[in-house]
C-alpha cells in the first residue's frame, strides 16, 4: 500500500490528508514523512497535506451545518456522548478549540461541532488552517532533522 501511495505522490498525499480530516479514521503524517525522506519539496508537501486536511475538515463542518442531528446519528454513527463531548469542549474553550482540530479522536468531532454550532466559516477555516499547518510544519521539520541525523 505504501508503494502505491508513494508512487502517486502529491495526489495521494492530498487524498489521504483529505480523508484523514473527515470522520474516516486514517493518518497522513506517515506519507508526508516518507515523501520528505524521498526528497520531495518540503514546502509543496506541507502545502498539499495542509490543503487536503483543511478541505476534509470543511467537509465535516458542512456535514454539521447541513446534515443535522439525523445525519450525524444515522449515517456517520456519531453517538450522543461524542457529540456532547465536542459541544462541552466548545462551551469551555470556544471556537479557539478549533486550533486543535488536528488532534486524533477529538479533531473531527470538533469540526463537526463547529458546523452544528454554526461557527462562522471564515473563523472556522482560519483556525483550522492554522492548527493543521502548524502540525504539518512540525512533522516536516522533525522528519527533516531526523533525516539529517541519520544521513550525517
Protein backbone atom coordinates (compact mmCIF):
# COMPACT_ATOMS: atom_id res chain seq x y z
CA UNK A 1 0.00 0.00 0.00
CA UNK A 2 2.84 2.37 0.89
CA UNK A 3 4.45 1.88 -2.53
CA UNK A 4 1.18 2.55 -4.33
CA UNK A 5 0.54 5.77 -2.42
CA UNK A 6 4.14 6.91 -2.73
CA UNK A 7 4.13 6.28 -6.49
CA UNK A 8 1.19 8.70 -6.82
CA UNK A 9 2.97 11.40 -4.80
CA UNK A 10 1.12 14.64 -4.22
CA UNK A 11 -2.34 13.47 -5.35
CA UNK A 12 -2.12 10.52 -2.95
CA UNK A 13 -0.99 12.81 -0.13
CA UNK A 14 -3.86 15.19 -0.85
CA UNK A 15 -6.42 12.37 -0.85
CA UNK A 16 -5.04 10.73 2.29
CA UNK A 17 -4.88 14.09 4.08
CA UNK A 18 -8.43 14.90 3.00
CA UNK A 19 -9.79 11.56 4.20
CA UNK A 20 -7.82 11.74 7.45
CA UNK A 21 -9.60 15.00 8.27
CA UNK A 22 -13.06 13.64 7.71
CA UNK A 23 -14.59 11.07 10.01
CA UNK A 24 -12.59 8.30 8.30
CA UNK A 25 -10.01 7.01 10.80
CA UNK A 26 -6.78 7.46 8.82
CA UNK A 27 -3.50 9.29 9.31
CA UNK A 28 -1.50 11.19 6.72
CA UNK A 29 1.66 12.16 8.59
CA UNK A 30 3.44 8.94 7.69
CA UNK A 31 3.09 9.60 3.94
CA UNK A 32 4.28 13.18 4.37
CA UNK A 33 7.36 11.91 6.23
CA UNK A 34 8.13 9.26 3.61
CA UNK A 35 7.78 11.80 0.80
CA UNK A 36 10.18 14.18 2.55
CA UNK A 37 12.72 11.43 3.13
CA UNK A 38 12.41 10.65 -0.61
CA UNK A 39 13.41 14.23 -1.46
CA UNK A 40 10.02 15.77 -2.27
CA UNK A 41 9.89 19.55 -1.88
CA UNK A 42 9.09 20.34 1.79
CA UNK A 43 7.04 23.47 1.04
CA UNK A 44 4.93 21.77 -1.62
CA UNK A 45 4.50 18.65 0.53
CA UNK A 46 3.31 20.62 3.56
CA UNK A 47 1.06 22.79 1.35
CA UNK A 48 -0.62 19.78 -0.28
CA UNK A 49 -1.13 17.97 3.04
CA UNK A 50 -2.48 21.11 4.74
CA UNK A 51 -4.85 21.89 1.88
CA UNK A 52 -6.23 18.35 1.75
CA UNK A 53 -6.63 18.26 5.51
CA UNK A 54 -8.35 21.66 5.59
CA UNK A 55 -10.80 20.69 2.85
CA UNK A 56 -11.59 17.44 4.67
CA UNK A 57 -12.30 19.43 7.84
CA UNK A 58 -14.53 21.79 5.84
CA UNK A 59 -16.47 18.77 4.57
CA UNK A 60 -17.05 17.67 8.15
CA UNK A 61 -18.05 21.24 9.08
CA UNK A 62 -20.62 21.37 6.25
CA UNK A 63 -21.99 17.99 7.34
CA UNK A 64 -22.57 19.55 10.74
CA UNK A 65 -24.35 22.55 9.24
CA UNK A 66 -26.49 20.80 6.64
CA UNK A 67 -26.70 17.24 7.88
CA UNK A 68 -28.20 17.99 11.22
CA UNK A 69 -28.52 15.53 14.06
CA UNK A 70 -30.29 12.89 11.96
CA UNK A 71 -27.40 12.54 9.51
CA UNK A 72 -24.88 12.56 12.33
CA UNK A 73 -26.62 9.69 14.14
CA UNK A 74 -27.80 7.59 11.16
CA UNK A 75 -25.07 7.95 8.55
CA UNK A 76 -21.96 8.96 10.47
CA UNK A 77 -22.92 6.96 13.55
CA UNK A 78 -21.62 9.55 15.99
CA UNK A 79 -23.16 8.83 19.34
CA UNK A 80 -24.64 11.40 21.67
CA UNK A 81 -21.71 11.04 24.06
CA UNK A 82 -19.15 12.05 21.39
CA UNK A 83 -21.31 14.94 20.25
CA UNK A 84 -21.81 16.08 23.85
CA UNK A 85 -18.04 15.98 24.48
CA UNK A 86 -17.39 18.16 21.45
CA UNK A 87 -20.10 20.64 22.47
CA UNK A 88 -18.74 20.80 26.02
CA UNK A 89 -15.26 21.44 24.64
CA UNK A 90 -16.70 24.36 22.63
CA UNK A 91 -18.53 25.70 25.65
CA UNK A 92 -15.36 25.57 27.71
CA UNK A 93 -12.81 26.78 25.19
CA UNK A 94 -14.88 28.41 22.48
CA UNK A 95 -14.06 28.35 18.82
CA UNK A 96 -10.35 28.65 19.68
CA UNK A 97 -10.50 24.91 20.31
CA UNK A 98 -10.51 24.54 16.51
CA UNK A 99 -6.75 25.13 16.65
CA UNK A 100 -6.66 21.55 17.95
CA UNK A 101 -8.71 20.07 15.12
CA UNK A 102 -5.59 18.18 14.02
CA UNK A 103 -5.62 16.00 17.14
CA UNK A 104 -6.61 12.36 16.80
CA UNK A 105 -10.01 11.32 18.17
CA UNK A 106 -11.26 14.81 19.12
CA UNK A 107 -10.33 16.77 15.98
CA UNK A 108 -13.07 15.51 13.68
CA UNK A 109 -15.85 15.93 16.26
CA UNK A 110 -14.58 19.48 16.89
CA UNK A 111 -15.04 20.28 13.20
CA UNK A 112 -18.46 18.66 13.20
CA UNK A 113 -19.48 20.61 16.30
CA UNK A 114 -18.23 23.78 14.60
CA UNK A 115 -20.83 23.18 11.93
CA UNK A 116 -23.56 22.13 14.35
CA UNK A 117 -22.95 25.25 16.45
CA UNK A 118 -22.79 27.43 13.32
CA UNK A 119 -19.33 28.88 13.92
CA UNK A 120 -18.68 31.41 11.12
CA UNK A 121 -16.94 29.78 8.16
CA UNK A 122 -14.13 32.36 7.94
CA UNK A 123 -13.32 31.93 11.63
CA UNK A 124 -13.65 28.15 11.35
CA UNK A 125 -11.41 27.81 8.30
CA UNK A 126 -8.81 30.25 9.61
CA UNK A 127 -8.40 28.49 12.94
CA UNK A 128 -8.44 25.02 11.41
CA UNK A 129 -5.94 26.05 8.73
CA UNK A 130 -3.55 27.48 11.31
CA UNK A 131 -3.70 24.39 13.52
CA UNK A 132 -3.25 21.95 10.67
CA UNK A 133 -0.46 23.98 9.06
CA UNK A 134 1.47 24.10 12.35
CA UNK A 135 1.10 20.35 12.78
CA UNK A 136 2.39 19.54 9.27
CA UNK A 137 5.24 22.05 9.57
CA UNK A 138 6.26 20.40 12.86
CA UNK A 139 6.10 16.90 11.32
CA UNK A 140 8.11 18.07 8.31
CA UNK A 141 10.72 19.80 10.44
CA UNK A 142 11.14 16.80 12.73
CA UNK A 143 11.35 14.46 9.74
CA UNK A 144 13.99 16.57 8.01
CA UNK A 145 16.01 16.99 11.20
CA UNK A 146 15.85 13.26 11.87
CA UNK A 147 16.87 12.55 8.30
CA UNK A 148 19.93 14.81 8.69
CA UNK A 149 20.98 12.98 11.85
CA UNK A 150 20.64 9.57 10.22
CA UNK A 151 22.46 10.50 6.99
CA UNK A 152 25.10 12.54 8.79
